Amino acid sequence: MRSSGDAVSALIASECSGGLGSEEFVESQRRLLKLGPDEFLRNVMSKSHAAIDEWQTQMQLKSTARGRVLLYTTGLTETERELTGVECIDSVENALAHRISTSGSRPIAVIPEGPYVIPFCRGAI
């Protein structure tokens, strides 16, 4: 997937104990990897109706367009890891150390439980 140099836009640590997700999402990810981001988006925009769970792949592209997305997981097979369309890593600690060494003192947000938490920032960034 495309990215903005070495910048990391997201570091995700998720067990993924339920696997990659619905078959529709898995198929959407397969199409993304086959077509590439630009062609995938053109294909999505040309439809009159969205495919089930395709929106998740479309939203993923917003992050990968801004930088590298790193995923630490213990619950996916190697095939499923390839279908994520992001960079799978073996250590959260190493990823954080790399991010700190390349980004200095820029803030890091830790968001537990994913979409059920609304992050906010108190003070200037």
N, C-alpha and C. Protein backbone atom coordinates (compact mmCIF):
# COMPACT_ATOMS: atom_id res chain seq x y z
N MET A 1 0.83 -1.18 0.00
CA MET A 1 0.00 0.00 0.00
C MET A 1 0.87 1.25 0.00
N ARG A 2 0.32 2.33 -0.41
CA ARG A 2 1.08 3.58 -0.47
C ARG A 2 1.24 4.15 0.93
N SER A 3 2.26 4.96 1.11
CA SER A 3 2.46 5.60 2.41
C SER A 3 3.32 6.83 2.23
N SER A 4 3.33 7.65 3.27
CA SER A 4 4.13 8.87 3.26
C SER A 4 5.49 8.59 3.88
N GLY A 5 6.39 8.05 3.11
CA GLY A 5 7.74 7.80 3.59
C GLY A 5 7.75 6.83 4.75
N ASP A 6 8.55 7.18 5.79
CA ASP A 6 8.72 6.31 6.93
C ASP A 6 7.76 6.66 8.06
N ALA A 7 6.91 7.66 7.86
CA ALA A 7 6.01 8.11 8.93
C ALA A 7 5.00 7.02 9.27
N VAL A 8 4.78 6.82 10.56
CA VAL A 8 3.79 5.86 11.03
C VAL A 8 2.55 6.64 11.41
N SER A 9 1.43 6.35 10.76
CA SER A 9 0.20 7.04 11.08
C SER A 9 -0.60 6.30 12.14
N ALA A 10 -0.38 4.99 12.27
CA ALA A 10 -1.11 4.22 13.27
C ALA A 10 -0.33 2.98 13.67
N LEU A 11 -0.38 2.67 14.94
CA LEU A 11 0.17 1.44 15.48
C LEU A 11 -0.99 0.75 16.18
N ILE A 12 -1.37 -0.40 15.70
CA ILE A 12 -2.52 -1.11 16.23
C ILE A 12 -2.04 -2.40 16.88
N ALA A 13 -2.47 -2.62 18.12
CA ALA A 13 -2.22 -3.88 18.82
C ALA A 13 -3.58 -4.51 19.08
N SER A 14 -3.84 -5.63 18.41
CA SER A 14 -5.14 -6.27 18.52
C SER A 14 -4.96 -7.78 18.40
N GLU A 15 -5.56 -8.50 19.31
CA GLU A 15 -5.42 -9.95 19.27
C GLU A 15 -6.04 -10.55 18.00
N CYS A 16 -7.15 -10.00 17.54
CA CYS A 16 -7.87 -10.52 16.36
C CYS A 16 -8.23 -11.99 16.56
N SER A 17 -8.67 -12.34 17.76
CA SER A 17 -8.97 -13.74 18.08
C SER A 17 -10.10 -14.30 17.22
N GLY A 18 -10.92 -13.43 16.66
CA GLY A 18 -12.01 -13.88 15.78
C GLY A 18 -11.61 -13.96 14.32
N GLY A 19 -10.32 -13.81 14.05
CA GLY A 19 -9.85 -13.84 12.67
C GLY A 19 -9.92 -12.47 12.03
N LEU A 20 -9.90 -12.43 10.72
CA LEU A 20 -9.85 -11.17 9.98
C LEU A 20 -11.21 -10.48 9.91
N GLY A 21 -12.28 -11.22 10.00
CA GLY A 21 -13.60 -10.62 9.94
C GLY A 21 -14.51 -11.37 8.99
N SER A 22 -15.55 -10.70 8.55
CA SER A 22 -16.55 -11.34 7.69
C SER A 22 -15.93 -11.73 6.34
N GLU A 23 -16.56 -12.68 5.69
CA GLU A 23 -16.09 -13.09 4.37
C GLU A 23 -16.17 -11.93 3.38
N GLU A 24 -17.16 -11.06 3.56
CA GLU A 24 -17.29 -9.90 2.68
C GLU A 24 -16.12 -8.94 2.86
N PHE A 25 -15.69 -8.75 4.12
CA PHE A 25 -14.53 -7.89 4.37
C PHE A 25 -13.28 -8.52 3.79
N VAL A 26 -13.11 -9.82 3.99
CA VAL A 26 -11.94 -10.52 3.45
C VAL A 26 -11.90 -10.37 1.93
N GLU A 27 -13.05 -10.49 1.27
CA GLU A 27 -13.10 -10.34 -0.18
C GLU A 27 -12.75 -8.90 -0.59
N SER A 28 -13.21 -7.94 0.19
CA SER A 28 -12.87 -6.54 -0.07
C SER A 28 -11.36 -6.32 0.03
N GLN A 29 -10.74 -6.92 1.02
CA GLN A 29 -9.29 -6.82 1.19
C GLN A 29 -8.55 -7.48 0.02
N ARG A 30 -9.07 -8.62 -0.43
CA ARG A 30 -8.46 -9.28 -1.59
C ARG A 30 -8.51 -8.37 -2.81
N ARG A 31 -9.66 -7.71 -3.02
CA ARG A 31 -9.79 -6.79 -4.15
C ARG A 31 -8.82 -5.62 -4.01
N LEU A 32 -8.67 -5.11 -2.80
CA LEU A 32 -7.73 -4.00 -2.57
C LEU A 32 -6.31 -4.42 -2.97
N LEU A 33 -5.89 -5.58 -2.53
CA LEU A 33 -4.53 -6.02 -2.84
C LEU A 33 -4.36 -6.32 -4.33
N LYS A 34 -5.40 -6.81 -4.97
CA LYS A 34 -5.33 -7.10 -6.40
C LYS A 34 -5.32 -5.82 -7.23
N LEU A 35 -6.19 -4.88 -6.90
CA LEU A 35 -6.36 -3.66 -7.70
C LEU A 35 -5.40 -2.53 -7.32
N GLY A 36 -5.00 -2.48 -6.07
CA GLY A 36 -4.24 -1.34 -5.57
C GLY A 36 -5.21 -0.28 -5.06
N PRO A 37 -4.73 0.64 -4.22
CA PRO A 37 -5.60 1.63 -3.58
C PRO A 37 -6.38 2.52 -4.56
N ASP A 38 -5.72 3.05 -5.57
CA ASP A 38 -6.38 3.99 -6.47
C ASP A 38 -7.49 3.31 -7.28
N GLU A 39 -7.19 2.16 -7.85
CA GLU A 39 -8.19 1.44 -8.65
C GLU A 39 -9.32 0.93 -7.76
N PHE A 40 -8.99 0.47 -6.55
CA PHE A 40 -10.03 0.03 -5.62
C PHE A 40 -11.00 1.17 -5.34
N LEU A 41 -10.49 2.37 -5.05
CA LEU A 41 -11.36 3.51 -4.77
C LEU A 41 -12.17 3.92 -5.99
N ARG A 42 -11.56 3.89 -7.17
CA ARG A 42 -12.32 4.19 -8.40
C ARG A 42 -13.48 3.20 -8.56
N ASN A 43 -13.20 1.94 -8.29
CA ASN A 43 -14.22 0.90 -8.40
C ASN A 43 -15.35 1.15 -7.40
N VAL A 44 -15.02 1.48 -6.16
CA VAL A 44 -16.01 1.76 -5.13
C VAL A 44 -16.88 2.95 -5.53
N MET A 45 -16.25 4.01 -6.00
CA MET A 45 -16.97 5.24 -6.33
C MET A 45 -17.87 5.08 -7.57
N SER A 46 -17.58 4.11 -8.40
CA SER A 46 -18.39 3.93 -9.61
C SER A 46 -19.65 3.11 -9.37
N LYS A 47 -19.77 2.51 -8.20
CA LYS A 47 -20.93 1.67 -7.89
C LYS A 47 -22.11 2.51 -7.43
N SER A 48 -23.30 2.00 -7.71
CA SER A 48 -24.50 2.67 -7.18
C SER A 48 -24.82 2.19 -5.77
N HIS A 49 -24.34 0.98 -5.40
CA HIS A 49 -24.57 0.42 -4.07
C HIS A 49 -23.27 -0.18 -3.55
N ALA A 50 -22.99 0.07 -2.29
CA ALA A 50 -21.77 -0.46 -1.68
C ALA A 50 -21.92 -1.95 -1.40
N ALA A 51 -20.81 -2.66 -1.47
CA ALA A 51 -20.79 -4.06 -1.07
C ALA A 51 -20.74 -4.12 0.46
N ILE A 52 -21.24 -5.20 1.03
CA ILE A 52 -21.22 -5.37 2.48
C ILE A 52 -19.79 -5.33 2.99
N ASP A 53 -19.56 -4.56 4.05
CA ASP A 53 -18.27 -4.41 4.74
C ASP A 53 -17.14 -3.82 3.89
N GLU A 54 -17.44 -3.37 2.70
CA GLU A 54 -16.43 -2.73 1.84
C GLU A 54 -15.97 -1.40 2.44
N TRP A 55 -16.85 -0.74 3.17
CA TRP A 55 -16.53 0.56 3.77
C TRP A 55 -15.32 0.47 4.70
N GLN A 56 -15.14 -0.69 5.35
CA GLN A 56 -14.01 -0.84 6.26
C GLN A 56 -12.68 -0.74 5.51
N THR A 57 -12.63 -1.36 4.35
CA THR A 57 -11.42 -1.28 3.52
C THR A 57 -11.23 0.15 3.03
N GLN A 58 -12.31 0.79 2.65
CA GLN A 58 -12.24 2.18 2.19
C GLN A 58 -11.71 3.09 3.31
N MET A 59 -12.15 2.90 4.55
CA MET A 59 -11.68 3.71 5.67
C MET A 59 -10.21 3.41 5.99
N GLN A 60 -9.80 2.17 5.82
CA GLN A 60 -8.40 1.80 6.04
C GLN A 60 -7.49 2.61 5.12
N LEU A 61 -7.95 2.85 3.90
CA LEU A 61 -7.13 3.59 2.94
C LEU A 61 -6.88 5.03 3.37
N LYS A 62 -7.74 5.59 4.20
CA LYS A 62 -7.50 6.94 4.72
C LYS A 62 -6.23 6.96 5.57
N SER A 63 -6.02 5.93 6.36
CA SER A 63 -4.83 5.85 7.21
C SER A 63 -3.58 5.52 6.40
N THR A 64 -3.69 4.55 5.49
CA THR A 64 -2.50 4.15 4.74
C THR A 64 -2.06 5.23 3.76
N ALA A 65 -2.96 6.14 3.40
CA ALA A 65 -2.58 7.26 2.54
C ALA A 65 -1.74 8.28 3.32
N ARG A 66 -1.86 8.30 4.64
CA ARG A 66 -1.15 9.28 5.47
C ARG A 66 0.19 8.77 5.98
N GLY A 67 0.39 7.47 5.95
CA GLY A 67 1.64 6.91 6.47
C GLY A 67 1.50 5.41 6.66
N ARG A 68 2.52 4.85 7.28
CA ARG A 68 2.52 3.40 7.52
C ARG A 68 1.56 3.05 8.65
N VAL A 69 0.84 1.97 8.46
CA VAL A 69 -0.01 1.42 9.52
C VAL A 69 0.64 0.11 9.94
N LEU A 70 0.98 0.02 11.24
CA LEU A 70 1.62 -1.16 11.78
C LEU A 70 0.61 -1.93 12.61
N LEU A 71 0.59 -3.25 12.46
CA LEU A 71 -0.34 -4.09 13.20
C LEU A 71 0.42 -5.17 13.94
N TYR A 72 0.21 -5.21 15.26
CA TYR A 72 0.72 -6.32 16.07
C TYR A 72 -0.47 -7.19 16.43
N THR A 73 -0.41 -8.47 16.10
CA THR A 73 -1.49 -9.39 16.40
C THR A 73 -0.94 -10.78 16.62
N THR A 74 -1.64 -11.53 17.44
CA THR A 74 -1.29 -12.94 17.66
C THR A 74 -2.39 -13.86 17.15
N GLY A 75 -3.50 -13.31 16.67
CA GLY A 75 -4.66 -14.12 16.32
C GLY A 75 -4.90 -14.35 14.84
N LEU A 76 -4.00 -13.91 13.97
CA LEU A 76 -4.20 -14.09 12.54
C LEU A 76 -3.20 -15.09 11.98
N THR A 77 -3.64 -15.85 10.99
CA THR A 77 -2.73 -16.73 10.27
C THR A 77 -1.85 -15.88 9.35
N GLU A 78 -0.84 -16.48 8.78
CA GLU A 78 0.03 -15.75 7.86
C GLU A 78 -0.77 -15.25 6.65
N THR A 79 -1.67 -16.06 6.14
CA THR A 79 -2.51 -15.65 5.00
C THR A 79 -3.38 -14.46 5.38
N GLU A 80 -3.98 -14.51 6.56
CA GLU A 80 -4.81 -13.39 7.02
C GLU A 80 -3.98 -12.14 7.22
N ARG A 81 -2.76 -12.28 7.73
CA ARG A 81 -1.87 -11.13 7.92
C ARG A 81 -1.59 -10.44 6.58
N GLU A 82 -1.37 -11.23 5.55
CA GLU A 82 -1.11 -10.67 4.22
C GLU A 82 -2.33 -9.90 3.71
N LEU A 83 -3.52 -10.38 4.02
CA LEU A 83 -4.75 -9.74 3.55
C LEU A 83 -5.08 -8.44 4.28
N THR A 84 -4.40 -8.15 5.39
CA THR A 84 -4.69 -6.91 6.10
C THR A 84 -4.35 -5.68 5.26
N GLY A 85 -3.37 -5.80 4.39
CA GLY A 85 -2.96 -4.66 3.58
C GLY A 85 -2.13 -3.65 4.35
N VAL A 86 -1.72 -4.02 5.57
CA VAL A 86 -0.86 -3.15 6.38
C VAL A 86 0.39 -3.94 6.77
N GLU A 87 1.31 -3.27 7.43
CA GLU A 87 2.57 -3.90 7.82
C GLU A 87 2.41 -4.57 9.17
N CYS A 88 2.48 -5.91 9.19
CA CYS A 88 2.40 -6.65 10.45
C CYS A 88 3.78 -6.67 11.11
N ILE A 89 3.79 -6.46 12.42
CA ILE A 89 5.04 -6.38 13.17
C ILE A 89 5.05 -7.43 14.27
N ASP A 90 6.23 -7.72 14.80
CA ASP A 90 6.38 -8.74 15.82
C ASP A 90 6.51 -8.19 17.23
N SER A 91 6.62 -6.86 17.37
CA SER A 91 6.83 -6.29 18.69
C SER A 91 6.31 -4.85 18.77
N VAL A 92 5.39 -4.61 19.68
CA VAL A 92 4.90 -3.26 19.91
C VAL A 92 6.02 -2.40 20.48
N GLU A 93 6.82 -2.98 21.36
CA GLU A 93 7.91 -2.24 21.99
C GLU A 93 8.90 -1.70 20.96
N ASN A 94 9.29 -2.53 20.00
CA ASN A 94 10.23 -2.08 18.96
C ASN A 94 9.61 -1.00 18.08
N ALA A 95 8.33 -1.15 17.77
CA ALA A 95 7.65 -0.14 16.95
C ALA A 95 7.59 1.19 17.68
N LEU A 96 7.28 1.17 18.97
CA LEU A 96 7.24 2.41 19.76
C LEU A 96 8.62 3.04 19.87
N ALA A 97 9.63 2.22 20.09
CA ALA A 97 11.00 2.75 20.19
C ALA A 97 11.40 3.41 18.87
N HIS A 98 11.07 2.79 17.75
CA HIS A 98 11.38 3.36 16.44
C HIS A 98 10.63 4.67 16.24
N ARG A 99 9.36 4.70 16.60
CA ARG A 99 8.55 5.90 16.44
C ARG A 99 9.10 7.04 17.27
N ILE A 100 9.46 6.77 18.50
CA ILE A 100 10.00 7.80 19.38
C ILE A 100 11.34 8.31 18.86
N SER A 101 12.18 7.40 18.35
CA SER A 101 13.49 7.83 17.85
C SER A 101 13.39 8.65 16.58
N THR A 102 12.32 8.45 15.79
CA THR A 102 12.19 9.19 14.53
C THR A 102 11.25 10.39 14.65
N SER A 103 10.42 10.45 15.68
CA SER A 103 9.44 11.52 15.80
C SER A 103 9.67 12.45 16.98
N GLY A 104 10.68 12.19 17.78
CA GLY A 104 10.95 13.06 18.91
C GLY A 104 9.87 13.00 19.96
N SER A 105 9.45 14.16 20.43
CA SER A 105 8.51 14.21 21.55
C SER A 105 7.06 14.39 21.12
N ARG A 106 6.74 14.14 19.86
CA ARG A 106 5.34 14.25 19.44
C ARG A 106 4.48 13.30 20.25
N PRO A 107 3.23 13.71 20.57
CA PRO A 107 2.39 12.88 21.42
C PRO A 107 2.00 11.55 20.77
N ILE A 108 1.71 10.59 21.63
CA ILE A 108 1.21 9.29 21.21
C ILE A 108 -0.14 9.09 21.89
N ALA A 109 -1.14 8.71 21.14
CA ALA A 109 -2.46 8.44 21.71
C ALA A 109 -2.64 6.93 21.86
N VAL A 110 -3.09 6.51 23.02
CA VAL A 110 -3.42 5.12 23.27
C VAL A 110 -4.92 5.04 23.44
N ILE A 111 -5.58 4.27 22.58
CA ILE A 111 -7.04 4.21 22.58
C ILE A 111 -7.46 2.76 22.84
N PRO A 112 -7.93 2.47 24.05
CA PRO A 112 -8.36 1.10 24.35
C PRO A 112 -9.72 0.80 23.74
N GLU A 113 -9.96 -0.47 23.42
CA GLU A 113 -11.25 -0.94 22.95
C GLU A 113 -11.72 -0.30 21.65
N GLY A 114 -10.81 0.22 20.84
CA GLY A 114 -11.13 0.66 19.49
C GLY A 114 -12.28 1.63 19.36
N PRO A 115 -13.29 1.30 18.55
CA PRO A 115 -14.33 2.28 18.19
C PRO A 115 -15.28 2.65 19.33
N TYR A 116 -15.18 1.99 20.48
CA TYR A 116 -16.08 2.30 21.57
C TYR A 116 -15.57 3.41 22.47
N VAL A 117 -14.43 3.99 22.13
CA VAL A 117 -13.84 5.08 22.89
C VAL A 117 -13.73 6.29 21.97
N ILE A 118 -14.09 7.45 22.46
CA ILE A 118 -13.95 8.67 21.68
C ILE A 118 -12.74 9.42 22.21
N PRO A 119 -11.64 9.47 21.43
CA PRO A 119 -10.44 10.15 21.92
C PRO A 119 -10.60 11.66 21.87
N PHE A 120 -9.93 12.34 22.76
CA PHE A 120 -9.87 13.79 22.73
C PHE A 120 -8.51 14.22 23.25
N CYS A 121 -8.14 15.43 22.94
CA CYS A 121 -6.85 15.96 23.35
C CYS A 121 -7.08 17.17 24.23
N ARG A 122 -6.48 17.16 25.38
CA ARG A 122 -6.57 18.27 26.30
C ARG A 122 -5.29 19.10 26.14
N GLY A 123 -5.40 20.34 25.78
CA GLY A 123 -4.23 21.18 25.62
C GLY A 123 -3.70 21.17 24.19
N ALA A 124 -2.63 21.92 23.98
CA ALA A 124 -2.05 22.05 22.64
C ALA A 124 -1.22 20.84 22.28
N ILE A 125 -1.21 20.55 21.00
CA ILE A 125 -0.39 19.44 20.50
C ILE A 125 0.87 20.03 19.91
